[in-house]
Amino acid sequence: MYFLSGCMLLAAAMAARAADDDWGVLKKSVASARQLPLSGTYLHQMSGLLETFRLYRAGDGDGVLERRESLDGPPREIVRTGGDVVGYAPDTKSLAAARLSAMRLFPALLPDEIDGIAQSYAVRRLTGDRIAQKDCQWFELKPRDALRYGVRLCLENATQLPLKIMTVSPKSDVVEQYMFTDVEFGAPRNRAVLKPHYRLSYPMRTLATQVPESTAADIEVSGLPTGFRLVRAMKRSLPGQADKQVRQLIFSDGLVMLSLFVEPMMGDPRTPRVSSLHGVISTASGHQGDMQFTLVGDLPEQGMSAVARSLKISRP
């Protein structure tokens, strides 16, 4: 009896240590995904759309300079200098496409603070693989509930650079993936490949201040899944109605971003609705009291539906 109990405790301790080691590997992968000098080509597949990009990166720390250009579809470039991201294109239509592409900059898809997602996701080491002629190890971030997507990453054995990242539905269907088809480590010898070629530009975002803390919300929200916290709140006036405002609250569990828009009820109550918006992005709408709301975020439709049903909005 005592022997069995001791074995069970030892097994639990070893499992916890293995999980800690796996989180440590993921931390290294976050640094490589953002900082490792390289040149490579990668594919992005989502909702039947397949795009190809060429990526160049040099420098380190705040001095990192990277440029990615589309090899098909609308011509566009995205340049990151430290934490600043700027899109470039030959025309306004292509510049709008650049803004969409800049939302997720592979291979840096995991958050800087990887510890923050442990409350909502468990990490598991899977099998080995070979991608872009390099050996890698698969890891899985599995949600602790059925409301979120899972993530699988194949990390190059020496550098822990993510060579392939898949977003997986609760039914284990791959709904989005990024994959290097070739990659070379080290800064590109020709620095000219780091400079944008197109004349039109648009500042996309500053990574370091992308989700600052805020206490500006004048409404209270509860009922969100475990792990989500408020990271930004703001007010916007409705076009032509300066006295009516839309409140936008942005929540995150460290991996998922969820935007809540709340506005005064106008006319009949909005019929509750949940739909897929773009790839992994879903949206839900409904009403509570004299307020109507819209949720937008990278959750599966069933997860978004559950969030909309459990959501509670009130004024303090």
Protein backbone atom coordinates (compact mmCIF):
# COMPACT_ATOMS: atom_id res chain seq x y z
CA MET A 1 0.00 0.00 0.00
CA TYR A 2 2.69 2.45 1.07
CA PHE A 3 4.81 1.34 -1.88
CA LEU A 4 1.99 2.06 -4.34
CA SER A 5 1.33 5.48 -2.78
CA GLY A 6 5.02 6.31 -3.01
CA CYS A 7 5.12 5.28 -6.67
CA MET A 8 2.09 7.42 -7.44
CA LEU A 9 3.66 10.46 -5.74
CA LEU A 10 6.92 9.89 -7.60
CA ALA A 11 5.08 9.60 -10.93
CA ALA A 12 3.17 12.81 -10.23
CA ALA A 13 6.38 14.62 -9.32
CA MET A 14 8.10 13.41 -12.50
CA ALA A 15 5.11 14.50 -14.62
CA ALA A 16 5.17 17.96 -13.03
CA ARG A 17 8.92 18.24 -13.65
CA ALA A 18 8.47 17.18 -17.29
CA ALA A 19 5.75 19.83 -17.74
CA ASP A 20 8.05 22.47 -16.22
CA ASP A 21 10.79 21.42 -18.66
CA ASP A 22 8.35 21.69 -21.57
CA TRP A 23 7.29 25.20 -20.51
CA GLY A 24 11.00 26.06 -20.40
CA VAL A 25 11.43 24.90 -23.99
CA LEU A 26 8.44 27.01 -25.05
CA LYS A 27 10.00 30.07 -23.37
CA LYS A 28 13.13 29.55 -25.46
CA SER A 29 10.97 29.20 -28.56
CA VAL A 30 9.32 32.58 -27.86
CA ALA A 31 12.75 34.26 -27.88
CA SER A 32 13.85 32.46 -31.06
CA ALA A 33 10.57 33.25 -32.82
CA ARG A 34 11.12 36.98 -32.25
CA GLN A 35 14.88 37.39 -32.22
CA LEU A 36 16.72 34.64 -34.14
CA PRO A 37 18.42 36.05 -37.29
CA LEU A 38 17.28 34.09 -40.33
CA SER A 39 16.11 34.02 -43.94
CA GLY A 40 13.24 31.78 -44.96
CA THR A 41 10.07 31.16 -46.91
CA TYR A 42 6.84 30.14 -45.23
CA LEU A 43 3.27 29.24 -46.12
CA HIS A 44 0.10 30.47 -44.42
CA GLN A 45 -3.04 28.38 -44.94
CA MET A 46 -6.47 29.38 -43.64
CA SER A 47 -10.09 28.97 -44.83
CA GLY A 48 -9.05 27.60 -48.21
CA LEU A 49 -6.57 30.46 -48.72
CA LEU A 50 -2.88 29.70 -49.22
CA GLU A 51 -0.31 32.51 -49.14
CA THR A 52 3.48 32.51 -49.38
CA PHE A 53 5.85 34.95 -47.68
CA ARG A 54 9.58 35.52 -47.67
CA LEU A 55 11.06 36.56 -44.31
CA TYR A 56 14.42 38.21 -43.56
CA ARG A 57 15.65 39.10 -40.06
CA ALA A 58 18.84 40.57 -38.61
CA GLY A 59 19.97 42.09 -35.29
CA ASP A 60 18.88 41.26 -31.74
CA GLY A 61 16.93 42.75 -28.84
CA ASP A 62 15.46 46.17 -29.61
CA GLY A 63 17.75 46.28 -32.64
CA VAL A 64 15.94 43.48 -34.48
CA LEU A 65 15.04 44.41 -38.04
CA GLU A 66 12.89 42.11 -40.12
CA ARG A 67 11.05 42.38 -43.40
CA ARG A 68 8.54 39.98 -44.88
CA GLU A 69 7.09 40.24 -48.38
CA SER A 70 4.21 38.44 -50.04
CA LEU A 71 5.14 36.20 -52.95
CA ASP A 72 1.54 35.84 -54.14
CA GLY A 73 -1.72 37.70 -53.72
CA PRO A 74 -1.71 41.50 -53.22
CA PRO A 75 1.90 42.83 -53.21
CA ARG A 76 2.79 43.94 -49.69
CA GLU A 77 5.62 44.14 -47.19
CA ILE A 78 5.65 44.22 -43.39
CA VAL A 79 8.71 45.67 -41.67
CA ARG A 80 9.37 45.28 -37.95
CA THR A 81 11.98 47.43 -36.23
CA GLY A 82 12.25 46.39 -32.61
CA GLY A 83 8.63 46.57 -31.50
CA ASP A 84 7.34 48.85 -34.26
CA VAL A 85 5.50 47.33 -37.22
CA VAL A 86 4.87 49.19 -40.50
CA GLY A 87 3.13 47.95 -43.63
CA TYR A 88 4.19 48.94 -47.17
CA ALA A 89 2.39 48.46 -50.48
CA PRO A 90 2.09 49.98 -53.98
CA ASP A 91 -1.60 50.92 -53.55
CA THR A 92 -4.27 51.35 -50.89
CA LYS A 93 -5.97 48.01 -51.59
CA SER A 94 -2.73 46.11 -51.08
CA LEU A 95 -2.01 48.19 -47.98
CA ALA A 96 -5.32 46.99 -46.49
CA ALA A 97 -4.17 43.41 -47.15
CA ALA A 98 -0.90 44.21 -45.37
CA ARG A 99 -2.86 45.30 -42.29
CA LEU A 100 -4.53 41.88 -42.16
CA SER A 101 -1.20 40.07 -42.62
CA ALA A 102 0.36 42.09 -39.79
CA MET A 103 -2.16 40.79 -37.26
CA ARG A 104 -0.18 37.55 -36.80
CA LEU A 105 3.55 37.59 -37.55
CA PHE A 106 4.77 33.99 -37.87
CA PRO A 107 6.80 32.50 -36.27
CA ALA A 108 6.16 34.84 -33.30
CA LEU A 109 2.60 33.72 -32.54
CA LEU A 110 2.98 32.94 -28.83
CA PRO A 111 2.90 35.76 -26.24
CA ASP A 112 6.05 37.19 -24.68
CA GLU A 113 4.92 36.15 -21.20
CA ILE A 114 4.39 32.44 -21.75
CA ASP A 115 3.74 31.81 -18.04
CA GLY A 116 0.47 33.73 -18.31
CA ILE A 117 -1.21 31.03 -20.38
CA ALA A 118 -0.56 28.10 -18.02
CA GLN A 119 -3.85 28.76 -16.23
CA SER A 120 -5.83 28.10 -19.41
CA TYR A 121 -3.61 25.63 -21.32
CA ALA A 122 -1.63 22.48 -20.56
CA VAL A 123 1.57 21.69 -22.44
CA ARG A 124 2.40 18.25 -23.80
CA ARG A 125 5.40 16.94 -25.72
CA LEU A 126 4.50 14.85 -28.76
CA THR A 127 6.56 13.11 -31.46
CA GLY A 128 9.54 14.25 -33.49
CA ASP A 129 9.32 15.35 -37.12
CA ARG A 130 11.31 16.87 -39.98
CA ILE A 131 10.23 20.16 -41.58
CA ALA A 132 12.11 22.34 -44.06
CA GLN A 133 14.95 19.76 -43.92
CA LYS A 134 15.40 20.33 -40.17
CA ASP A 135 14.61 18.02 -37.26
CA CYS A 136 11.99 19.31 -34.85
CA GLN A 137 9.89 18.28 -31.85
CA TRP A 138 6.11 18.67 -31.66
CA PHE A 139 4.53 20.34 -28.62
CA GLU A 140 0.85 20.87 -27.94
CA LEU A 141 -0.88 23.63 -25.99
CA LYS A 142 -4.18 22.01 -25.08
CA PRO A 143 -6.98 24.20 -23.66
CA ARG A 144 -8.24 23.21 -20.23
CA ASP A 145 -11.80 23.67 -21.52
CA ALA A 146 -13.62 23.05 -24.82
CA LEU A 147 -14.12 26.76 -25.59
CA ARG A 148 -10.76 27.57 -27.17
CA TYR A 149 -8.54 26.43 -30.00
CA GLY A 150 -5.49 24.34 -29.28
CA VAL A 151 -2.04 25.05 -30.70
CA ARG A 152 0.59 22.60 -31.96
CA LEU A 153 4.16 23.71 -32.65
CA CYS A 154 7.11 21.84 -34.14
CA LEU A 155 10.27 23.39 -32.62
CA GLU A 156 13.66 23.01 -34.31
CA ASN A 157 15.85 20.88 -32.05
CA ALA A 158 18.83 23.22 -31.67
CA THR A 159 17.25 26.71 -31.68
CA GLN A 160 13.63 25.94 -30.65
CA LEU A 161 12.49 28.07 -33.59
CA PRO A 162 8.88 27.14 -34.50
CA LEU A 163 9.07 25.58 -37.96
CA LYS A 164 5.35 24.86 -38.13
CA ILE A 165 2.40 26.10 -36.06
CA MET A 166 -1.13 24.73 -36.32
CA THR A 167 -4.33 26.05 -34.74
CA VAL A 168 -6.56 23.09 -33.90
CA SER A 169 -10.30 23.00 -33.22
CA PRO A 170 -11.84 21.15 -30.24
CA LYS A 171 -12.52 18.31 -32.74
CA SER A 172 -8.79 18.23 -33.67
CA ASP A 173 -9.38 19.77 -37.12
CA VAL A 174 -6.58 22.05 -38.35
CA VAL A 175 -8.19 25.45 -39.01
CA GLU A 176 -5.04 27.48 -39.65
CA GLN A 177 -1.35 26.70 -40.13
CA TYR A 178 1.98 28.33 -40.83
CA MET A 179 5.01 26.36 -42.05
CA PHE A 180 8.53 27.13 -43.20
CA THR A 181 9.36 25.48 -46.51
CA ASP A 182 13.00 26.58 -46.25
CA VAL A 183 14.92 28.47 -43.60
CA GLU A 184 18.57 29.40 -43.01
CA PHE A 185 19.87 30.64 -39.67
CA GLY A 186 21.99 33.79 -39.53
CA ALA A 187 21.49 37.37 -40.71
CA PRO A 188 21.13 37.84 -44.48
CA ARG A 189 24.41 38.87 -46.08
CA ASN A 190 22.73 41.43 -48.32
CA ARG A 191 21.24 44.12 -46.03
CA ALA A 192 19.23 45.51 -48.94
CA VAL A 193 16.68 42.70 -48.46
CA LEU A 194 15.70 44.33 -45.15
CA LYS A 195 14.60 47.60 -46.78
CA PRO A 196 11.01 48.14 -48.03
CA HIS A 197 10.46 48.65 -51.75
CA TYR A 198 6.98 50.21 -51.88
CA ARG A 199 6.10 53.88 -51.45
CA LEU A 200 2.84 53.71 -49.46
CA SER A 201 3.19 52.95 -45.75
CA TYR A 202 0.97 52.61 -42.71
CA PRO A 203 2.09 52.19 -39.07
CA MET A 204 0.40 49.03 -37.85
CA ARG A 205 1.19 48.78 -34.16
CA THR A 206 3.85 48.90 -31.49
CA LEU A 207 4.34 45.42 -30.07
CA ALA A 208 5.58 46.65 -26.71
CA THR A 209 2.36 48.61 -26.05
CA GLN A 210 -0.11 46.48 -27.94
CA VAL A 211 -2.26 45.62 -24.90
CA PRO A 212 -1.57 48.13 -22.10
CA GLU A 213 -3.36 47.77 -18.78
CA SER A 214 -6.40 50.01 -18.39
CA THR A 215 -9.10 50.71 -15.81
CA ALA A 216 -11.08 53.04 -18.04
CA ALA A 217 -14.14 50.78 -18.32
CA ASP A 218 -17.36 52.16 -16.81
CA ILE A 219 -19.15 48.82 -17.14
CA GLU A 220 -18.52 45.53 -15.39
CA VAL A 221 -18.20 42.24 -17.25
CA SER A 222 -18.32 38.74 -15.77
CA GLY A 223 -18.96 35.23 -17.00
CA LEU A 224 -15.86 35.01 -19.23
CA PRO A 225 -13.91 31.74 -19.29
CA THR A 226 -11.14 31.21 -16.74
CA GLY A 227 -7.92 33.09 -17.50
CA PHE A 228 -9.35 36.06 -19.39
CA ARG A 229 -8.49 39.49 -17.99
CA LEU A 230 -9.15 43.05 -19.10
CA VAL A 231 -6.17 44.54 -20.92
CA ARG A 232 -7.70 47.61 -22.55
CA ALA A 233 -10.88 49.69 -22.40
CA MET A 234 -11.92 52.67 -24.50
CA LYS A 235 -14.94 54.66 -25.67
CA ARG A 236 -15.85 55.70 -29.20
CA SER A 237 -18.66 57.97 -30.40
CA LEU A 238 -21.07 56.57 -32.96
CA PRO A 239 -20.86 58.30 -36.37
CA GLY A 240 -23.17 61.32 -36.35
CA GLN A 241 -24.26 60.61 -32.76
CA ALA A 242 -21.78 62.26 -30.44
CA ASP A 243 -24.03 61.64 -27.43
CA LYS A 244 -24.04 57.85 -27.97
CA GLN A 245 -20.86 55.90 -27.43
CA VAL A 246 -19.59 52.42 -28.10
CA ARG A 247 -17.48 50.95 -25.34
CA GLN A 248 -14.77 48.54 -26.42
CA LEU A 249 -13.20 46.21 -23.89
CA ILE A 250 -10.38 43.87 -24.88
CA PHE A 251 -9.76 40.72 -22.86
CA SER A 252 -6.98 38.15 -23.22
CA ASP A 253 -5.99 34.82 -21.70
CA GLY A 254 -2.44 35.41 -22.95
CA LEU A 255 -3.06 33.60 -26.22
CA VAL A 256 -6.58 34.58 -27.30
CA MET A 257 -7.74 38.17 -27.85
CA LEU A 258 -11.46 38.82 -27.29
CA SER A 259 -13.04 42.22 -28.04
CA LEU A 260 -16.37 43.20 -26.53
CA PHE A 261 -18.28 46.13 -28.05
CA VAL A 262 -21.16 47.52 -25.98
CA GLU A 263 -23.55 50.25 -27.20
CA PRO A 264 -26.95 51.66 -26.29
CA MET A 265 -29.97 49.78 -27.56
CA MET A 266 -31.36 51.38 -30.72
CA GLY A 267 -34.71 50.10 -31.96
CA ASP A 268 -35.70 46.48 -31.45
CA PRO A 269 -33.33 44.14 -29.56
CA ARG A 270 -30.68 42.52 -31.73
CA THR A 271 -31.36 38.86 -32.49
CA PRO A 272 -28.59 36.76 -30.89
CA ARG A 273 -26.26 35.47 -33.58
CA VAL A 274 -22.94 33.60 -33.79
CA SER A 275 -20.93 33.22 -36.98
CA SER A 276 -17.44 32.69 -38.37
CA LEU A 277 -15.94 35.99 -39.48
CA HIS A 278 -12.52 35.22 -40.96
CA GLY A 279 -10.55 32.02 -40.52
CA VAL A 280 -10.20 31.40 -36.78
CA ILE A 281 -12.10 34.61 -35.92
CA SER A 282 -15.72 34.28 -34.79
CA THR A 283 -18.29 36.86 -33.77
CA ALA A 284 -21.38 36.85 -31.57
CA SER A 285 -24.03 39.50 -30.92
CA GLY A 286 -26.91 39.90 -28.50
CA HIS A 287 -28.43 42.24 -25.93
CA GLN A 288 -28.75 42.68 -22.17
CA GLY A 289 -31.11 45.21 -20.63
CA ASP A 290 -30.80 48.49 -22.52
CA MET A 291 -27.44 47.51 -24.03
CA GLN A 292 -26.53 45.50 -27.11
CA PHE A 293 -23.16 43.84 -27.53
CA THR A 294 -20.86 42.28 -30.11
CA LEU A 295 -18.04 39.84 -29.32
CA VAL A 296 -15.14 39.33 -31.77
CA GLY A 297 -12.21 37.03 -31.18
CA ASP A 298 -10.22 33.95 -32.18
CA LEU A 299 -12.51 31.38 -30.60
CA PRO A 300 -14.37 28.48 -32.24
CA GLU A 301 -18.02 29.22 -32.99
CA GLN A 302 -19.21 26.87 -30.24
CA GLY A 303 -16.83 28.55 -27.79
CA MET A 304 -18.00 32.01 -28.82
CA SER A 305 -21.62 30.89 -28.44
CA ALA A 306 -20.94 29.64 -24.91
CA VAL A 307 -19.19 32.89 -23.98
CA ALA A 308 -22.10 34.97 -25.32
CA ARG A 309 -24.58 32.92 -23.26
CA SER A 310 -22.60 33.20 -20.00
CA LEU A 311 -21.61 36.86 -20.45
CA LYS A 312 -22.93 39.30 -17.83
CA ILE A 313 -22.72 43.05 -18.49
CA SER A 314 -23.65 45.63 -15.85
CA ARG A 315 -22.96 49.17 -14.75
CA PRO A 316 -21.10 49.56 -11.45
